[in-house]
Amino acid sequence: MRILFAEDDHKLGKLTTHLLKAQTPFQIEWCTNGREALELASHTNFDLIILDWMLPEVSGLNICKKLRGDGFKGPILMLTAKDSINHRVEGLEAGADDYLIKPFNFSELIARIKVLNRRNFAPLQEEVMTLEDLTYNRTSYSLNRGDHQIVLTQREFQLFDLLVKNRGIVLTREVIFERVWGNDSEVTSNTVDAYVKNLRKKIDLPNQQTYIKSIRGVGYTIEK
């Protein structure tokens, strides 16, 4: 389970991230402002998003509204010191699935995450996309070129999906590394080159132009 955690209180954010990583199998991506949270949410497939209401730059409430407007279907948990009924209603009407008042008990946070995760296992509508003669299903992590099925690892699929969603944009190795592996990963940025090489072997045909373009000294892109 991959979680985006947006909290600008560095002490609380660092402690919560540490405890979640130490006591659960969840993958946690922590950021400290609303603009970064929106960018991460738009480029990475998160299973659950935890938003502090009072984030700098873009509030958690506005992030929630924007994500729902853009079609994000996953659960959103709102953290806030605002404990009035009106504020709770406002958060829920903005698209939040649950609401946790600060200060909170860590065990309650884990319990609420697990409940939201169980809800998230409802059957999903398959999301099928095409790129020329490639057809891929973002729900089942499957990829076909014509009638030929291509088997990708989860990381390879995440990398391919990231590049397709950003067609026409050159993504640096650092950005790809951060979005697919996360800043806390122990692998190096050279891993990006190795995964792109493997992807090309699987999806490209001999003597034909490659889908994934290399921008020397910068990174990679898939052209529009």
C-alpha atoms as a PDB file:
ATOM      1  CA  MET A   1       0.000   0.000   0.000  1.00  0.00           C
ATOM      2  CA  ARG A   2       1.466   3.340  -1.082  1.00  0.00           C
ATOM      3  CA  ILE A   3       0.494   6.410   0.936  1.00  0.00           C
ATOM      4  CA  LEU A   4       1.010  10.122   0.282  1.00  0.00           C
ATOM      5  CA  PHE A   5       1.327  11.967   3.602  1.00  0.00           C
ATOM      6  CA  ALA A   6       1.171  15.792   3.416  1.00  0.00           C
ATOM      7  CA  GLU A   7       2.026  17.477   6.746  1.00  0.00           C
ATOM      8  CA  ASP A   8       3.956  20.731   7.232  1.00  0.00           C
ATOM      9  CA  ASP A   9       4.716  20.182  10.926  1.00  0.00           C
ATOM     10  CA  HIS A  10       8.209  18.713  10.557  1.00  0.00           C
ATOM     11  CA  LYS A  11       8.288  17.123  13.997  1.00  0.00           C
ATOM     12  CA  LEU A  12       4.906  15.437  13.551  1.00  0.00           C
ATOM     13  CA  GLY A  13       5.604  14.526   9.941  1.00  0.00           C
ATOM     14  CA  LYS A  14       8.981  12.957  10.679  1.00  0.00           C
ATOM     15  CA  LEU A  15       7.680  11.020  13.686  1.00  0.00           C
ATOM     16  CA  THR A  16       4.548   9.758  11.933  1.00  0.00           C
ATOM     17  CA  THR A  17       6.503   8.722   8.833  1.00  0.00           C
ATOM     18  CA  HIS A  18       9.057   6.884  10.979  1.00  0.00           C
ATOM     19  CA  LEU A  19       6.391   5.037  12.964  1.00  0.00           C
ATOM     20  CA  LEU A  20       4.388   4.060   9.884  1.00  0.00           C
ATOM     21  CA  LYS A  21       7.492   2.682   8.190  1.00  0.00           C
ATOM     22  CA  ALA A  22       8.611   0.871  11.341  1.00  0.00           C
ATOM     23  CA  GLN A  23       5.271  -0.665  12.321  1.00  0.00           C
ATOM     24  CA  THR A  24       3.477  -1.256   9.007  1.00  0.00           C
ATOM     25  CA  PRO A  25       4.333  -2.579   5.518  1.00  0.00           C
ATOM     26  CA  PHE A  26       3.112   0.683   3.960  1.00  0.00           C
ATOM     27  CA  GLN A  27       5.246   2.755   1.585  1.00  0.00           C
ATOM     28  CA  ILE A  28       5.124   6.388   2.736  1.00  0.00           C
ATOM     29  CA  GLU A  29       5.855   9.497   0.658  1.00  0.00           C
ATOM     30  CA  TRP A  30       5.992  12.543   2.960  1.00  0.00           C
ATOM     31  CA  CYS A  31       5.825  16.138   1.719  1.00  0.00           C
ATOM     32  CA  THR A  32       5.456  19.436   3.558  1.00  0.00           C
ATOM     33  CA  ASN A  33       3.431  21.770   1.317  1.00  0.00           C
ATOM     34  CA  GLY A  34       0.275  21.630  -0.752  1.00  0.00           C
ATOM     35  CA  ARG A  35       1.835  22.396  -4.116  1.00  0.00           C
ATOM     36  CA  GLU A  36       4.229  19.466  -3.791  1.00  0.00           C
ATOM     37  CA  ALA A  37       1.391  17.219  -2.622  1.00  0.00           C
ATOM     38  CA  LEU A  38      -0.638  18.049  -5.753  1.00  0.00           C
ATOM     39  CA  GLU A  39       2.348  17.389  -8.005  1.00  0.00           C
ATOM     40  CA  LEU A  40       3.094  14.048  -6.350  1.00  0.00           C
ATOM     41  CA  ALA A  41      -0.540  12.970  -6.488  1.00  0.00           C
ATOM     42  CA  SER A  42      -0.755  13.769 -10.195  1.00  0.00           C
ATOM     43  CA  HIS A  43       2.371  11.770 -11.127  1.00  0.00           C
ATOM     44  CA  THR A  44       2.246   8.786  -8.788  1.00  0.00           C
ATOM     45  CA  ASN A  45      -0.367   6.112  -8.148  1.00  0.00           C
ATOM     46  CA  PHE A  46      -1.174   6.321  -4.426  1.00  0.00           C
ATOM     47  CA  ASP A  47      -3.545   3.930  -2.683  1.00  0.00           C
ATOM     48  CA  LEU A  48      -4.398   6.467   0.036  1.00  0.00           C
ATOM     49  CA  ILE A  49      -3.725  10.152   0.674  1.00  0.00           C
ATOM     50  CA  ILE A  50      -3.436  11.786   4.110  1.00  0.00           C
ATOM     51  CA  LEU A  51      -3.778  15.585   4.057  1.00  0.00           C
ATOM     52  CA  ASP A  52      -3.244  18.163   6.761  1.00  0.00           C
ATOM     53  CA  TRP A  53      -5.943  20.836   6.409  1.00  0.00           C
ATOM     54  CA  MET A  54      -3.632  23.840   6.924  1.00  0.00           C
ATOM     55  CA  LEU A  55      -0.860  23.127   4.406  1.00  0.00           C
ATOM     56  CA  PRO A  56       1.150  26.078   3.027  1.00  0.00           C
ATOM     57  CA  GLU A  57       0.707  27.189  -0.617  1.00  0.00           C
ATOM     58  CA  VAL A  58      -2.387  25.010  -1.218  1.00  0.00           C
ATOM     59  CA  SER A  59      -4.623  23.919   1.643  1.00  0.00           C
ATOM     60  CA  GLY A  60      -5.476  20.283   2.246  1.00  0.00           C
ATOM     61  CA  LEU A  61      -9.137  21.131   1.662  1.00  0.00           C
ATOM     62  CA  ASN A  62      -8.426  22.594  -1.782  1.00  0.00           C
ATOM     63  CA  ILE A  63      -6.134  19.675  -2.655  1.00  0.00           C
ATOM     64  CA  CYS A  64      -8.948  17.292  -1.791  1.00  0.00           C
ATOM     65  CA  LYS A  65     -11.392  19.193  -4.026  1.00  0.00           C
ATOM     66  CA  LYS A  66      -8.874  19.311  -6.890  1.00  0.00           C
ATOM     67  CA  LEU A  67      -8.060  15.587  -6.684  1.00  0.00           C
ATOM     68  CA  ARG A  68     -11.730  14.617  -6.671  1.00  0.00           C
ATOM     69  CA  GLY A  69     -12.388  16.965  -9.573  1.00  0.00           C
ATOM     70  CA  ASP A  70      -9.539  15.306 -11.501  1.00  0.00           C
ATOM     71  CA  GLY A  71     -11.029  11.875 -10.904  1.00  0.00           C
ATOM     72  CA  PHE A  72      -8.965  10.484  -8.018  1.00  0.00           C
ATOM     73  CA  LYS A  73     -10.986   7.589  -6.605  1.00  0.00           C
ATOM     74  CA  GLY A  74      -8.773   6.489  -3.711  1.00  0.00           C
ATOM     75  CA  PRO A  75      -9.478   7.207  -0.049  1.00  0.00           C
ATOM     76  CA  ILE A  76      -8.487  10.571   1.444  1.00  0.00           C
ATOM     77  CA  LEU A  77      -7.988  11.077   5.181  1.00  0.00           C
ATOM     78  CA  MET A  78      -8.008  14.661   6.496  1.00  0.00           C
ATOM     79  CA  LEU A  79      -5.928  15.656   9.533  1.00  0.00           C
ATOM     80  CA  THR A  80      -6.790  18.890  11.295  1.00  0.00           C
ATOM     81  CA  ALA A  81      -7.045  20.724  14.597  1.00  0.00           C
ATOM     82  CA  LYS A  82     -10.421  22.105  13.441  1.00  0.00           C
ATOM     83  CA  ASP A  83     -12.869  20.093  15.508  1.00  0.00           C
ATOM     84  CA  SER A  84     -16.209  21.822  14.941  1.00  0.00           C
ATOM     85  CA  ILE A  85     -19.058  19.973  13.244  1.00  0.00           C
ATOM     86  CA  ASN A  86     -19.129  22.568  10.472  1.00  0.00           C
ATOM     87  CA  HIS A  87     -15.467  21.963   9.648  1.00  0.00           C
ATOM     88  CA  ARG A  88     -15.973  18.200   9.615  1.00  0.00           C
ATOM     89  CA  VAL A  89     -18.886  18.566   7.228  1.00  0.00           C
ATOM     90  CA  GLU A  90     -16.861  20.920   5.023  1.00  0.00           C
ATOM     91  CA  GLY A  91     -14.030  18.392   4.804  1.00  0.00           C
ATOM     92  CA  LEU A  92     -16.338  15.494   3.995  1.00  0.00           C
ATOM     93  CA  GLU A  93     -18.225  17.516   1.384  1.00  0.00           C
ATOM     94  CA  ALA A  94     -14.878  18.414  -0.238  1.00  0.00           C
ATOM     95  CA  GLY A  95     -14.339  14.702  -0.863  1.00  0.00           C
ATOM     96  CA  ALA A  96     -12.549  13.408   2.234  1.00  0.00           C
ATOM     97  CA  ASP A  97     -13.495   9.868   3.315  1.00  0.00           C
ATOM     98  CA  ASP A  98     -12.485  10.285   6.942  1.00  0.00           C
ATOM     99  CA  TYR A  99     -11.431  12.947   9.408  1.00  0.00           C
ATOM    100  CA  LEU A 100      -8.933  12.710  12.295  1.00  0.00           C
ATOM    101  CA  ILE A 101      -8.560  15.476  14.892  1.00  0.00           C
ATOM    102  CA  LYS A 102      -5.114  16.579  16.079  1.00  0.00           C
ATOM    103  CA  PRO A 103      -3.542  15.608  18.365  1.00  0.00           C
ATOM    104  CA  PHE A 104      -4.306  12.015  17.474  1.00  0.00           C
ATOM    105  CA  ASN A 105      -3.298   8.625  18.809  1.00  0.00           C
ATOM    106  CA  PHE A 106      -0.964   6.803  16.431  1.00  0.00           C
ATOM    107  CA  SER A 107      -2.761   3.471  16.837  1.00  0.00           C
ATOM    108  CA  GLU A 108      -6.028   5.169  15.818  1.00  0.00           C
ATOM    109  CA  LEU A 109      -4.344   6.544  12.692  1.00  0.00           C
ATOM    110  CA  ILE A 110      -3.229   3.035  11.684  1.00  0.00           C
ATOM    111  CA  ALA A 111      -6.713   1.648  12.385  1.00  0.00           C
ATOM    112  CA  ARG A 112      -8.354   4.303  10.200  1.00  0.00           C
ATOM    113  CA  ILE A 113      -5.848   3.677   7.391  1.00  0.00           C
ATOM    114  CA  LYS A 114      -6.638  -0.054   7.487  1.00  0.00           C
ATOM    115  CA  VAL A 115     -10.385   0.598   7.374  1.00  0.00           C
ATOM    116  CA  LEU A 116     -10.012   2.948   4.409  1.00  0.00           C
ATOM    117  CA  ASN A 117      -7.759   0.432   2.667  1.00  0.00           C
ATOM    118  CA  ARG A 118     -10.385  -2.301   3.054  1.00  0.00           C
ATOM    119  CA  ARG A 119     -12.968  -0.013   1.463  1.00  0.00           C
ATOM    120  CA  ASN A 120     -10.554   0.615  -1.374  1.00  0.00           C
ATOM    121  CA  PHE A 121     -10.541  -3.069  -2.356  1.00  0.00           C
ATOM    122  CA  ALA A 122     -13.989  -2.769  -3.918  1.00  0.00           C
ATOM    123  CA  PRO A 123     -13.993  -3.909  -7.568  1.00  0.00           C
ATOM    124  CA  LEU A 124     -12.439  -1.284  -9.826  1.00  0.00           C
ATOM    125  CA  GLN A 125     -13.490  -0.364 -13.325  1.00  0.00           C
ATOM    126  CA  GLU A 126     -10.675  -1.342 -15.655  1.00  0.00           C
ATOM    127  CA  GLU A 127      -8.721   1.635 -16.966  1.00  0.00           C
ATOM    128  CA  VAL A 128      -7.423   0.760 -20.422  1.00  0.00           C
ATOM    129  CA  MET A 129      -5.204   3.147 -22.359  1.00  0.00           C
ATOM    130  CA  THR A 130      -3.509   2.971 -25.746  1.00  0.00           C
ATOM    131  CA  LEU A 131      -0.287   4.349 -27.188  1.00  0.00           C
ATOM    132  CA  GLU A 132      -0.133   3.647 -30.921  1.00  0.00           C
ATOM    133  CA  ASP A 133      -0.114  -0.199 -31.066  1.00  0.00           C
ATOM    134  CA  LEU A 134       0.435  -0.582 -27.314  1.00  0.00           C
ATOM    135  CA  THR A 135      -2.560  -1.279 -25.086  1.00  0.00           C
ATOM    136  CA  TYR A 136      -2.168  -1.269 -21.345  1.00  0.00           C
ATOM    137  CA  ASN A 137      -4.459  -1.770 -18.403  1.00  0.00           C
ATOM    138  CA  ARG A 138      -3.616   0.351 -15.377  1.00  0.00           C
ATOM    139  CA  THR A 139      -5.837  -1.779 -13.137  1.00  0.00           C
ATOM    140  CA  SER A 140      -4.355  -5.199 -13.956  1.00  0.00           C
ATOM    141  CA  TYR A 141      -0.822  -3.944 -14.772  1.00  0.00           C
ATOM    142  CA  SER A 142      -0.966  -5.673 -18.165  1.00  0.00           C
ATOM    143  CA  LEU A 143       0.557  -4.496 -21.452  1.00  0.00           C
ATOM    144  CA  ASN A 144       0.083  -5.750 -25.009  1.00  0.00           C
ATOM    145  CA  ARG A 145       1.698  -4.829 -28.302  1.00  0.00           C
ATOM    146  CA  GLY A 146      -0.840  -5.906 -30.880  1.00  0.00           C
ATOM    147  CA  ASP A 147      -1.696  -9.495 -29.972  1.00  0.00           C
ATOM    148  CA  HIS A 148       1.541 -10.020 -28.075  1.00  0.00           C
ATOM    149  CA  GLN A 149       1.395  -9.819 -24.284  1.00  0.00           C
ATOM    150  CA  ILE A 150       4.352  -8.098 -22.617  1.00  0.00           C
ATOM    151  CA  VAL A 151       5.126  -9.067 -19.041  1.00  0.00           C
ATOM    152  CA  LEU A 152       6.347  -6.165 -16.906  1.00  0.00           C
ATOM    153  CA  THR A 153       7.405  -6.016 -13.289  1.00  0.00           C
ATOM    154  CA  GLN A 154       5.496  -3.585 -11.071  1.00  0.00           C
ATOM    155  CA  ARG A 155       8.389  -1.088 -11.169  1.00  0.00           C
ATOM    156  CA  GLU A 156       8.639  -1.337 -14.955  1.00  0.00           C
ATOM    157  CA  PHE A 157       4.921  -0.697 -15.250  1.00  0.00           C
ATOM    158  CA  GLN A 158       5.108   2.301 -12.879  1.00  0.00           C
ATOM    159  CA  LEU A 159       7.962   3.741 -14.957  1.00  0.00           C
ATOM    160  CA  PHE A 160       6.118   3.183 -18.231  1.00  0.00           C
ATOM    161  CA  ASP A 161       2.908   4.667 -16.810  1.00  0.00           C
ATOM    162  CA  LEU A 162       4.758   7.746 -15.525  1.00  0.00           C
ATOM    163  CA  LEU A 163       6.318   8.395 -18.930  1.00  0.00           C
ATOM    164  CA  VAL A 164       3.011   7.925 -20.774  1.00  0.00           C
ATOM    165  CA  LYS A 165       1.104  10.230 -18.424  1.00  0.00           C
ATOM    166  CA  ASN A 166       3.743  12.893 -19.106  1.00  0.00           C
ATOM    167  CA  ARG A 167       3.993  12.459 -22.875  1.00  0.00           C
ATOM    168  CA  GLY A 168       5.846  15.330 -24.497  1.00  0.00           C
ATOM    169  CA  ILE A 169       7.567  16.274 -21.223  1.00  0.00           C
ATOM    170  CA  VAL A 170      11.212  15.433 -20.586  1.00  0.00           C
ATOM    171  CA  LEU A 171      11.504  13.842 -17.145  1.00  0.00           C
ATOM    172  CA  THR A 172      14.908  13.987 -15.514  1.00  0.00           C
ATOM    173  CA  ARG A 173      16.410  10.866 -13.982  1.00  0.00           C
ATOM    174  CA  GLU A 174      16.014  12.486 -10.577  1.00  0.00           C
ATOM    175  CA  VAL A 175      12.280  13.102 -11.069  1.00  0.00           C
ATOM    176  CA  ILE A 176      11.711   9.561 -12.368  1.00  0.00           C
ATOM    177  CA  PHE A 177      13.692   8.102  -9.488  1.00  0.00           C
ATOM    178  CA  GLU A 178      11.700  10.116  -6.942  1.00  0.00           C
ATOM    179  CA  ARG A 179       8.298   9.298  -8.441  1.00  0.00           C
ATOM    180  CA  VAL A 180       8.851   5.567  -8.988  1.00  0.00           C
ATOM    181  CA  TRP A 181      11.208   4.580  -6.168  1.00  0.00           C
ATOM    182  CA  GLY A 182      10.873   7.415  -3.649  1.00  0.00           C
ATOM    183  CA  ASN A 183      13.524   9.507  -1.977  1.00  0.00           C
ATOM    184  CA  ASP A 184      14.105   6.981   0.809  1.00  0.00           C
ATOM    185  CA  SER A 185      14.932   4.105  -1.532  1.00  0.00           C
ATOM    186  CA  GLU A 186      18.366   2.533  -1.179  1.00  0.00           C
ATOM    187  CA  VAL A 187      18.843   2.079  -4.929  1.00  0.00           C
ATOM    188  CA  THR A 188      20.726   4.691  -6.967  1.00  0.00           C
ATOM    189  CA  SER A 189      19.559   6.944  -9.790  1.00  0.00           C
ATOM    190  CA  ASN A 190      21.542   4.731 -12.203  1.00  0.00           C
ATOM    191  CA  THR A 191      18.741   2.239 -11.681  1.00  0.00           C
ATOM    192  CA  VAL A 192      16.542   4.420 -13.902  1.00  0.00           C
ATOM    193  CA  ASP A 193      18.822   3.793 -16.906  1.00  0.00           C
ATOM    194  CA  ALA A 194      18.797   0.045 -16.268  1.00  0.00           C
ATOM    195  CA  TYR A 195      14.995  -0.075 -16.072  1.00  0.00           C
ATOM    196  CA  VAL A 196      14.573   2.006 -19.240  1.00  0.00           C
ATOM    197  CA  LYS A 197      16.936  -0.392 -21.033  1.00  0.00           C
ATOM    198  CA  ASN A 198      14.857  -3.380 -19.881  1.00  0.00           C
ATOM    199  CA  LEU A 199      11.617  -1.645 -20.889  1.00  0.00           C
ATOM    200  CA  ARG A 200      12.947  -0.994 -24.387  1.00  0.00           C
ATOM    201  CA  LYS A 201      13.945  -4.634 -24.778  1.00  0.00           C
ATOM    202  CA  LYS A 202      10.400  -5.667 -23.934  1.00  0.00           C
ATOM    203  CA  ILE A 203       8.303  -3.137 -25.847  1.00  0.00           C
ATOM    204  CA  ASP A 204      10.405  -2.136 -28.884  1.00  0.00           C
ATOM    205  CA  LEU A 205      10.603  -4.102 -32.129  1.00  0.00           C
ATOM    206  CA  PRO A 206      13.894  -4.698 -34.037  1.00  0.00           C
ATOM    207  CA  ASN A 207      14.885  -1.977 -36.494  1.00  0.00           C
ATOM    208  CA  GLN A 208      12.048   0.298 -35.433  1.00  0.00           C
ATOM    209  CA  GLN A 209      12.116   3.619 -33.629  1.00  0.00           C
ATOM    210  CA  THR A 210      12.026   3.301 -29.847  1.00  0.00           C
ATOM    211  CA  TYR A 211       9.052   4.565 -27.866  1.00  0.00           C
ATOM    212  CA  ILE A 212      11.169   5.966 -25.032  1.00  0.00           C
ATOM    213  CA  LYS A 213      13.475   8.754 -26.189  1.00  0.00           C
ATOM    214  CA  SER A 214      16.751   9.548 -24.438  1.00  0.00           C
ATOM    215  CA  ILE A 215      17.572  13.219 -23.895  1.00  0.00           C
ATOM    216  CA  ARG A 216      21.310  13.198 -23.415  1.00  0.00           C
ATOM    217  CA  GLY A 217      22.436  14.446 -20.033  1.00  0.00           C
ATOM    218  CA  VAL A 218      18.844  15.028 -18.893  1.00  0.00           C
ATOM    219  CA  GLY A 219      16.502  12.062 -18.860  1.00  0.00           C
ATOM    220  CA  TYR A 220      13.721  10.423 -20.862  1.00  0.00           C
ATOM    221  CA  THR A 221      10.457  11.185 -22.608  1.00  0.00           C
ATOM    222  CA  ILE A 222       7.741   9.649 -24.753  1.00  0.00           C
ATOM    223  CA  GLU A 223       6.863  12.045 -27.548  1.00  0.00           C
ATOM    224  CA  LYS A 224       3.289  13.066 -28.291  1.00  0.00           C
END
